[in-house]
C-alpha cells in the first residue's frame, strides 16, 4: 500500500527544530515528504536539514526560478499538509485568506486535509484573536492538535 504524500510546512519559532525530528520520523515510516519553510523558519533551522532527511529540495519562496508556480505544484502534490510548528501569524493568515508567501498561498490552493500543530507563547495561544482564528480553520474542516502543557522556551508555563 502506498503511503501518503505529506507536505510539512514549518513556521518560525523556537519549536521549528522539532520539525526536523518529525520529518525524519515520517520519512522512516515510508511517507514521501516535501518541506516548506517560511522566511522566519529559516532563521531557526536550515533548509539543508530537511533536504538531507527527505531527499528533496526544501521550498521557501514563491519566486523559484525552477518552478514558476510552486504554491500550485506543492498544493496539488500533497495528500496532507502538516503545519508544524504553526505560528499565530500563519494561523491568522490562513484564517483570513492572506496569501503573501509560499505557505499562505499554497494553503489557499490546497483542497485536501490540513493538520495544524500550534506552537507559541501561552498568552499568544490564549489570545482571543488566535482562538477565533483557530475556530475559523476548524469550521473549514482543518484539524488542530492541542499543544502540550509544559515549560516554554520563554520561561512561561502553558
N, C-alpha and C. Protein backbone atom coordinates (compact mmCIF):
# COMPACT_ATOMS: atom_id res chain seq x y z
N UNK A 1 0.83 -1.18 0.00
CA UNK A 1 0.00 0.00 0.00
C UNK A 1 0.88 1.25 0.00
N UNK A 2 0.55 2.18 -0.86
CA UNK A 2 1.33 3.40 -0.97
C UNK A 2 0.99 4.36 0.17
N UNK A 3 2.03 4.90 0.78
CA UNK A 3 1.84 5.85 1.88
C UNK A 3 1.55 7.24 1.31
N UNK A 4 0.94 8.06 2.13
CA UNK A 4 0.54 9.41 1.73
C UNK A 4 1.75 10.30 1.46
N UNK A 5 1.51 11.30 0.63
CA UNK A 5 2.50 12.34 0.36
C UNK A 5 2.19 13.50 1.30
N UNK A 6 3.15 13.80 2.17
CA UNK A 6 2.94 14.81 3.21
C UNK A 6 3.81 16.03 2.93
N UNK A 7 3.16 17.18 2.93
CA UNK A 7 3.87 18.44 2.82
C UNK A 7 4.00 19.02 4.22
N UNK A 8 5.21 19.00 4.76
CA UNK A 8 5.48 19.52 6.09
C UNK A 8 5.87 20.99 5.96
N UNK A 9 5.06 21.85 6.56
CA UNK A 9 5.28 23.29 6.48
C UNK A 9 5.71 23.80 7.85
N UNK A 10 6.83 24.46 7.89
CA UNK A 10 7.45 24.87 9.15
C UNK A 10 7.42 26.39 9.27
N UNK A 11 6.83 26.86 10.37
CA UNK A 11 6.78 28.30 10.65
C UNK A 11 7.92 28.68 11.59
N UNK A 12 8.18 29.97 11.67
CA UNK A 12 9.24 30.47 12.54
C UNK A 12 8.86 30.39 14.00
N UNK A 13 9.82 30.01 14.81
CA UNK A 13 9.64 29.90 16.25
C UNK A 13 10.64 28.90 16.78
N UNK A 14 10.87 28.95 18.07
CA UNK A 14 11.87 28.08 18.68
C UNK A 14 11.54 26.61 18.47
N UNK A 15 10.27 26.26 18.34
CA UNK A 15 9.88 24.85 18.15
C UNK A 15 10.19 24.33 16.75
N UNK A 16 10.70 25.17 15.86
CA UNK A 16 10.98 24.73 14.49
C UNK A 16 11.95 23.56 14.45
N UNK A 17 12.88 23.49 15.40
CA UNK A 17 13.84 22.40 15.39
C UNK A 17 13.16 21.04 15.54
N UNK A 18 12.00 21.01 16.20
CA UNK A 18 11.28 19.75 16.39
C UNK A 18 10.74 19.20 15.07
N UNK A 19 10.54 20.08 14.10
CA UNK A 19 10.05 19.64 12.79
C UNK A 19 11.08 18.78 12.06
N UNK A 20 12.35 18.96 12.38
CA UNK A 20 13.39 18.11 11.79
C UNK A 20 13.18 16.67 12.23
N UNK A 21 12.93 16.46 13.51
CA UNK A 21 12.65 15.11 14.02
C UNK A 21 11.36 14.56 13.43
N UNK A 22 10.35 15.40 13.29
CA UNK A 22 9.08 14.96 12.70
C UNK A 22 9.29 14.51 11.26
N UNK A 23 10.04 15.27 10.49
CA UNK A 23 10.32 14.89 9.11
C UNK A 23 11.05 13.55 9.05
N UNK A 24 12.00 13.37 9.94
CA UNK A 24 12.75 12.11 9.99
C UNK A 24 11.85 10.93 10.34
N UNK A 25 10.99 11.10 11.34
CA UNK A 25 10.07 10.04 11.75
C UNK A 25 9.13 9.66 10.61
N UNK A 26 8.57 10.65 9.95
CA UNK A 26 7.64 10.39 8.86
C UNK A 26 8.34 9.70 7.69
N UNK A 27 9.55 10.15 7.38
CA UNK A 27 10.32 9.54 6.29
C UNK A 27 10.62 8.08 6.61
N UNK A 28 11.02 7.80 7.84
CA UNK A 28 11.33 6.42 8.24
C UNK A 28 10.10 5.53 8.20
N UNK A 29 8.91 6.12 8.35
CA UNK A 29 7.66 5.35 8.27
C UNK A 29 7.23 5.11 6.82
N UNK A 30 8.00 5.64 5.87
CA UNK A 30 7.72 5.38 4.46
C UNK A 30 6.91 6.45 3.75
N UNK A 31 6.63 7.56 4.43
CA UNK A 31 5.89 8.63 3.78
C UNK A 31 6.83 9.41 2.87
N UNK A 32 6.30 9.91 1.77
CA UNK A 32 7.07 10.81 0.92
C UNK A 32 6.86 12.21 1.48
N UNK A 33 7.95 12.88 1.79
CA UNK A 33 7.90 14.17 2.49
C UNK A 33 8.52 15.26 1.61
N UNK A 34 7.84 16.35 1.51
CA UNK A 34 8.39 17.59 0.96
C UNK A 34 8.23 18.64 2.05
N UNK A 35 9.07 19.65 2.02
CA UNK A 35 9.02 20.65 3.08
C UNK A 35 8.96 22.07 2.53
N UNK A 36 8.24 22.90 3.27
CA UNK A 36 8.17 24.33 3.02
C UNK A 36 8.54 25.02 4.32
N UNK A 37 9.46 25.95 4.25
CA UNK A 37 9.85 26.75 5.41
C UNK A 37 9.50 28.20 5.14
N UNK A 38 8.88 28.85 6.12
CA UNK A 38 8.66 30.29 5.98
C UNK A 38 10.00 30.99 6.13
N UNK A 39 10.02 32.26 5.74
CA UNK A 39 11.25 33.05 5.90
C UNK A 39 11.68 33.05 7.37
N UNK A 40 10.73 33.16 8.27
CA UNK A 40 11.05 33.16 9.70
C UNK A 40 11.59 31.81 10.15
N UNK A 41 11.05 30.73 9.62
CA UNK A 41 11.54 29.39 9.98
C UNK A 41 13.01 29.24 9.62
N UNK A 42 13.41 29.84 8.50
CA UNK A 42 14.81 29.75 8.06
C UNK A 42 15.77 30.46 9.01
N UNK A 43 15.25 31.28 9.91
CA UNK A 43 16.08 31.92 10.94
C UNK A 43 16.37 30.95 12.08
N UNK A 44 15.55 29.90 12.22
CA UNK A 44 15.69 28.94 13.31
C UNK A 44 16.30 27.61 12.88
N UNK A 45 16.02 27.18 11.65
CA UNK A 45 16.53 25.90 11.14
C UNK A 45 16.98 26.09 9.70
N UNK A 46 17.85 25.21 9.27
CA UNK A 46 18.37 25.29 7.91
C UNK A 46 17.55 24.42 6.95
N UNK A 47 17.26 24.93 5.77
CA UNK A 47 16.61 24.10 4.76
C UNK A 47 17.41 22.84 4.44
N UNK A 48 18.73 22.91 4.62
CA UNK A 48 19.58 21.74 4.34
C UNK A 48 19.26 20.57 5.26
N UNK A 49 18.86 20.84 6.51
CA UNK A 49 18.48 19.76 7.42
C UNK A 49 17.35 18.93 6.81
N UNK A 50 16.35 19.61 6.31
CA UNK A 50 15.18 18.93 5.75
C UNK A 50 15.50 18.25 4.42
N UNK A 51 16.30 18.90 3.60
CA UNK A 51 16.68 18.30 2.32
C UNK A 51 17.46 17.00 2.53
N UNK A 52 18.34 16.99 3.52
CA UNK A 52 19.12 15.78 3.81
C UNK A 52 18.24 14.64 4.28
N UNK A 53 17.23 14.95 5.07
CA UNK A 53 16.34 13.92 5.62
C UNK A 53 15.35 13.40 4.59
N UNK A 54 14.76 14.31 3.81
CA UNK A 54 13.68 13.94 2.89
C UNK A 54 14.16 13.57 1.50
N UNK A 55 15.40 13.93 1.17
CA UNK A 55 15.98 13.70 -0.15
C UNK A 55 15.26 14.51 -1.23
N UNK A 56 14.68 15.64 -0.82
CA UNK A 56 14.03 16.57 -1.74
C UNK A 56 14.42 17.99 -1.35
N UNK A 57 14.44 18.88 -2.33
CA UNK A 57 14.71 20.28 -2.03
C UNK A 57 13.65 20.83 -1.08
N UNK A 58 14.07 21.76 -0.25
CA UNK A 58 13.16 22.47 0.63
C UNK A 58 12.74 23.76 -0.07
N UNK A 59 11.48 24.09 0.03
CA UNK A 59 10.95 25.28 -0.63
C UNK A 59 10.70 26.38 0.40
N UNK A 60 11.01 27.61 0.03
CA UNK A 60 10.77 28.71 0.96
C UNK A 60 10.34 30.00 0.27
N UNK A 61 10.22 29.98 -1.04
CA UNK A 61 9.87 31.21 -1.74
C UNK A 61 8.85 30.96 -2.85
N UNK A 62 7.99 31.94 -3.04
CA UNK A 62 7.08 31.92 -4.19
C UNK A 62 7.83 32.16 -5.49
N UNK A 63 9.01 32.71 -5.37
CA UNK A 63 9.77 33.13 -6.54
C UNK A 63 10.91 32.16 -6.80
N UNK A 64 10.57 30.99 -7.30
CA UNK A 64 11.53 29.93 -7.58
C UNK A 64 11.79 29.89 -9.08
N UNK A 65 13.05 30.07 -9.47
CA UNK A 65 13.39 30.07 -10.90
C UNK A 65 13.10 28.72 -11.56
N UNK A 66 13.18 27.63 -10.80
CA UNK A 66 12.97 26.29 -11.36
C UNK A 66 11.49 25.93 -11.48
N UNK A 67 10.63 26.60 -10.75
CA UNK A 67 9.20 26.31 -10.78
C UNK A 67 8.45 27.62 -10.59
N UNK A 68 7.86 28.14 -11.65
CA UNK A 68 7.21 29.45 -11.55
C UNK A 68 5.94 29.48 -10.71
N UNK A 69 5.37 28.31 -10.39
CA UNK A 69 4.16 28.28 -9.57
C UNK A 69 4.27 27.21 -8.47
N UNK A 70 5.24 27.35 -7.57
CA UNK A 70 5.45 26.29 -6.57
C UNK A 70 4.26 26.11 -5.63
N UNK A 71 3.51 27.17 -5.37
CA UNK A 71 2.36 27.03 -4.46
C UNK A 71 1.29 26.12 -5.06
N UNK A 72 1.13 26.14 -6.37
CA UNK A 72 0.15 25.26 -7.03
C UNK A 72 0.68 23.84 -7.11
N UNK A 73 1.93 23.70 -7.55
CA UNK A 73 2.53 22.36 -7.64
C UNK A 73 2.50 21.65 -6.30
N UNK A 74 2.94 22.31 -5.25
CA UNK A 74 3.01 21.67 -3.93
C UNK A 74 1.61 21.38 -3.38
N UNK A 75 0.67 22.29 -3.58
CA UNK A 75 -0.71 22.07 -3.12
C UNK A 75 -1.31 20.86 -3.82
N UNK A 76 -1.07 20.73 -5.11
CA UNK A 76 -1.60 19.58 -5.87
C UNK A 76 -0.90 18.29 -5.49
N UNK A 77 0.40 18.36 -5.22
CA UNK A 77 1.18 17.16 -4.92
C UNK A 77 0.77 16.52 -3.60
N UNK A 78 0.50 17.31 -2.60
CA UNK A 78 0.32 16.80 -1.23
C UNK A 78 -1.04 16.15 -1.01
N UNK A 79 -1.01 14.99 -0.34
CA UNK A 79 -2.24 14.37 0.15
C UNK A 79 -2.65 15.01 1.48
N UNK A 80 -1.67 15.50 2.21
CA UNK A 80 -1.89 16.09 3.52
C UNK A 80 -0.87 17.20 3.73
N UNK A 81 -1.34 18.34 4.22
CA UNK A 81 -0.44 19.41 4.65
C UNK A 81 -0.40 19.40 6.17
N UNK A 82 0.80 19.36 6.72
CA UNK A 82 1.00 19.44 8.17
C UNK A 82 1.78 20.73 8.43
N UNK A 83 1.19 21.63 9.21
CA UNK A 83 1.86 22.88 9.56
C UNK A 83 2.35 22.73 10.99
N UNK A 84 3.66 22.49 11.13
CA UNK A 84 4.24 22.19 12.44
C UNK A 84 5.68 22.72 12.51
N UNK A 85 5.98 23.60 13.40
CA UNK A 85 5.06 24.29 14.29
C UNK A 85 4.27 25.35 13.53
N UNK A 86 3.06 25.58 13.98
CA UNK A 86 2.21 26.61 13.39
C UNK A 86 2.26 27.86 14.25
N UNK A 87 2.65 28.95 13.66
CA UNK A 87 2.73 30.22 14.39
C UNK A 87 1.37 30.92 14.40
N UNK A 88 1.19 31.82 15.35
CA UNK A 88 -0.03 32.63 15.40
C UNK A 88 -0.18 33.44 14.12
N UNK A 89 0.92 33.89 13.56
CA UNK A 89 0.90 34.68 12.34
C UNK A 89 0.35 33.87 11.17
N UNK A 90 0.85 32.66 10.98
CA UNK A 90 0.40 31.84 9.86
C UNK A 90 -1.03 31.37 10.06
N UNK A 91 -1.40 31.05 11.29
CA UNK A 91 -2.79 30.69 11.58
C UNK A 91 -3.71 31.85 11.20
N UNK A 92 -3.33 33.07 11.57
CA UNK A 92 -4.15 34.25 11.25
C UNK A 92 -4.23 34.46 9.74
N UNK A 93 -3.12 34.32 9.05
CA UNK A 93 -3.13 34.48 7.59
C UNK A 93 -4.08 33.48 6.94
N UNK A 94 -3.99 32.22 7.36
CA UNK A 94 -4.84 31.19 6.77
C UNK A 94 -6.31 31.45 7.07
N UNK A 95 -6.60 31.87 8.28
CA UNK A 95 -7.99 32.13 8.67
C UNK A 95 -8.61 33.27 7.87
N UNK A 96 -7.76 34.20 7.43
CA UNK A 96 -8.27 35.39 6.74
C UNK A 96 -7.93 35.42 5.25
N UNK A 97 -7.42 34.32 4.72
CA UNK A 97 -7.17 34.22 3.29
C UNK A 97 -6.04 35.07 2.77
N UNK A 98 -5.10 35.39 3.62
CA UNK A 98 -3.94 36.18 3.19
C UNK A 98 -2.94 35.24 2.51
N UNK A 99 -2.48 35.64 1.34
CA UNK A 99 -1.57 34.80 0.56
C UNK A 99 -0.35 35.61 0.16
N UNK A 100 0.50 35.91 1.13
CA UNK A 100 1.65 36.78 0.85
C UNK A 100 2.99 36.07 0.92
N UNK A 101 2.97 34.74 1.05
CA UNK A 101 4.21 33.96 0.99
C UNK A 101 3.87 32.57 0.45
N UNK A 102 4.86 31.73 0.31
CA UNK A 102 4.63 30.41 -0.27
C UNK A 102 3.64 29.60 0.55
N UNK A 103 3.84 29.54 1.86
CA UNK A 103 2.96 28.73 2.70
C UNK A 103 1.53 29.22 2.67
N UNK A 104 1.32 30.51 2.89
CA UNK A 104 -0.06 31.01 2.92
C UNK A 104 -0.73 30.89 1.55
N UNK A 105 0.03 31.00 0.48
CA UNK A 105 -0.53 30.84 -0.87
C UNK A 105 -0.92 29.40 -1.15
N UNK A 106 -0.05 28.46 -0.78
CA UNK A 106 -0.38 27.06 -1.07
C UNK A 106 -1.54 26.57 -0.22
N UNK A 107 -1.72 27.14 0.97
CA UNK A 107 -2.88 26.76 1.79
C UNK A 107 -4.19 27.14 1.10
N UNK A 108 -4.21 28.25 0.38
CA UNK A 108 -5.40 28.63 -0.37
C UNK A 108 -5.64 27.71 -1.56
N UNK A 109 -4.58 27.16 -2.12
CA UNK A 109 -4.69 26.31 -3.30
C UNK A 109 -4.90 24.83 -2.95
N UNK A 110 -4.71 24.46 -1.70
CA UNK A 110 -4.79 23.05 -1.27
C UNK A 110 -6.22 22.71 -0.86
N UNK A 111 -6.75 21.62 -1.43
CA UNK A 111 -8.15 21.26 -1.15
C UNK A 111 -8.29 19.98 -0.34
N UNK A 112 -7.18 19.44 0.12
CA UNK A 112 -7.21 18.20 0.90
C UNK A 112 -6.93 18.51 2.38
N UNK A 113 -6.83 17.51 3.24
CA UNK A 113 -6.70 17.77 4.68
C UNK A 113 -5.48 18.60 5.07
N UNK A 114 -5.70 19.42 6.11
CA UNK A 114 -4.64 20.23 6.71
C UNK A 114 -4.65 19.96 8.21
N UNK A 115 -3.47 19.67 8.74
CA UNK A 115 -3.29 19.44 10.18
C UNK A 115 -2.39 20.54 10.73
N UNK A 116 -2.87 21.24 11.74
CA UNK A 116 -2.13 22.33 12.37
C UNK A 116 -1.61 21.88 13.72
N UNK A 117 -0.35 22.22 14.01
CA UNK A 117 0.27 21.92 15.30
C UNK A 117 0.76 23.26 15.87
N UNK A 118 -0.14 23.99 16.56
CA UNK A 118 0.24 25.30 17.08
C UNK A 118 1.37 25.21 18.10
N UNK A 119 2.28 26.18 18.02
CA UNK A 119 3.39 26.27 18.98
C UNK A 119 3.73 27.75 19.14
N UNK A 120 3.43 28.26 20.32
CA UNK A 120 3.67 29.69 20.59
C UNK A 120 3.57 29.94 22.08
N UNK A 121 3.89 31.12 22.49
CA UNK A 121 3.74 31.53 23.88
C UNK A 121 2.29 31.33 24.31
N UNK A 122 2.10 30.91 25.56
CA UNK A 122 0.77 30.61 26.07
C UNK A 122 -0.18 31.80 25.97
N UNK A 123 0.33 33.02 26.17
CA UNK A 123 -0.53 34.20 26.08
C UNK A 123 -0.97 34.44 24.64
N UNK A 124 -0.09 34.15 23.69
CA UNK A 124 -0.46 34.28 22.29
C UNK A 124 -1.52 33.23 21.93
N UNK A 125 -1.32 32.00 22.40
CA UNK A 125 -2.25 30.92 22.09
C UNK A 125 -3.62 31.18 22.70
N UNK A 126 -3.64 31.75 23.90
CA UNK A 126 -4.91 32.00 24.60
C UNK A 126 -5.53 33.36 24.25
N UNK A 127 -4.87 34.13 23.40
CA UNK A 127 -5.42 35.41 22.96
C UNK A 127 -6.69 35.15 22.15
N UNK A 128 -7.70 35.97 22.36
CA UNK A 128 -8.99 35.75 21.69
C UNK A 128 -8.85 35.75 20.17
N UNK A 129 -7.93 36.54 19.64
CA UNK A 129 -7.73 36.56 18.19
C UNK A 129 -7.27 35.19 17.69
N UNK A 130 -6.33 34.57 18.39
CA UNK A 130 -5.85 33.25 18.00
C UNK A 130 -6.95 32.21 18.16
N UNK A 131 -7.67 32.28 19.26
CA UNK A 131 -8.79 31.35 19.49
C UNK A 131 -9.80 31.46 18.35
N UNK A 132 -10.15 32.68 17.97
CA UNK A 132 -11.11 32.89 16.89
C UNK A 132 -10.57 32.37 15.55
N UNK A 133 -9.29 32.62 15.29
CA UNK A 133 -8.69 32.16 14.04
C UNK A 133 -8.69 30.64 13.95
N UNK A 134 -8.39 29.97 15.05
CA UNK A 134 -8.42 28.51 15.07
C UNK A 134 -9.84 28.00 14.82
N UNK A 135 -10.82 28.65 15.40
CA UNK A 135 -12.22 28.25 15.17
C UNK A 135 -12.59 28.38 13.70
N UNK A 136 -12.13 29.44 13.05
CA UNK A 136 -12.39 29.62 11.62
C UNK A 136 -11.81 28.45 10.83
N UNK A 137 -10.56 28.08 11.14
CA UNK A 137 -9.93 26.97 10.43
C UNK A 137 -10.68 25.66 10.68
N UNK A 138 -11.10 25.44 11.91
CA UNK A 138 -11.85 24.22 12.23
C UNK A 138 -13.18 24.18 11.47
N UNK A 139 -13.85 25.31 11.35
CA UNK A 139 -15.11 25.36 10.60
C UNK A 139 -14.89 25.00 9.13
N UNK A 140 -13.70 25.25 8.63
CA UNK A 140 -13.36 24.92 7.24
C UNK A 140 -12.89 23.48 7.10
N UNK A 141 -12.89 22.74 8.19
CA UNK A 141 -12.51 21.33 8.12
C UNK A 141 -11.05 21.04 8.43
N UNK A 142 -10.31 22.06 8.83
CA UNK A 142 -8.91 21.83 9.21
C UNK A 142 -8.87 21.17 10.58
N UNK A 143 -7.82 20.41 10.82
CA UNK A 143 -7.64 19.70 12.09
C UNK A 143 -6.56 20.41 12.90
N UNK A 144 -6.80 20.58 14.20
CA UNK A 144 -5.88 21.28 15.09
C UNK A 144 -5.48 20.34 16.22
N UNK A 145 -4.18 20.16 16.42
CA UNK A 145 -3.69 19.42 17.58
C UNK A 145 -3.50 20.40 18.72
N UNK A 146 -4.07 20.11 19.86
CA UNK A 146 -3.88 20.97 21.03
C UNK A 146 -2.43 20.87 21.50
N UNK A 147 -1.84 21.99 21.89
CA UNK A 147 -0.45 21.95 22.36
C UNK A 147 -0.34 21.24 23.71
N UNK A 148 0.83 20.67 23.95
CA UNK A 148 1.12 20.02 25.23
C UNK A 148 1.38 21.09 26.29
N UNK A 149 1.12 20.76 27.53
CA UNK A 149 1.36 21.66 28.65
C UNK A 149 2.78 21.44 29.16
N UNK A 150 3.51 22.52 29.42
CA UNK A 150 4.85 22.38 29.97
C UNK A 150 5.57 23.71 30.01
N UNK A 151 6.85 23.65 30.34
CA UNK A 151 7.69 24.84 30.40
C UNK A 151 8.04 25.27 28.99
N UNK A 152 7.81 26.53 28.67
CA UNK A 152 8.07 27.06 27.34
C UNK A 152 9.46 27.69 27.28
N UNK A 153 9.95 27.88 26.07
CA UNK A 153 11.28 28.48 25.88
C UNK A 153 11.35 29.88 26.47
N UNK A 154 10.23 30.58 26.55
CA UNK A 154 10.20 31.94 27.09
C UNK A 154 10.10 31.96 28.61
N UNK A 155 10.20 30.79 29.24
CA UNK A 155 10.16 30.60 30.69
C UNK A 155 8.74 30.66 31.27
N UNK A 156 7.74 30.78 30.42
CA UNK A 156 6.35 30.67 30.88
C UNK A 156 5.98 29.19 30.93
N UNK A 157 4.94 28.90 31.67
CA UNK A 157 4.37 27.56 31.68
C UNK A 157 3.02 27.63 30.99
N UNK A 158 2.77 26.68 30.13
CA UNK A 158 1.48 26.69 29.43
C UNK A 158 1.37 25.54 28.49
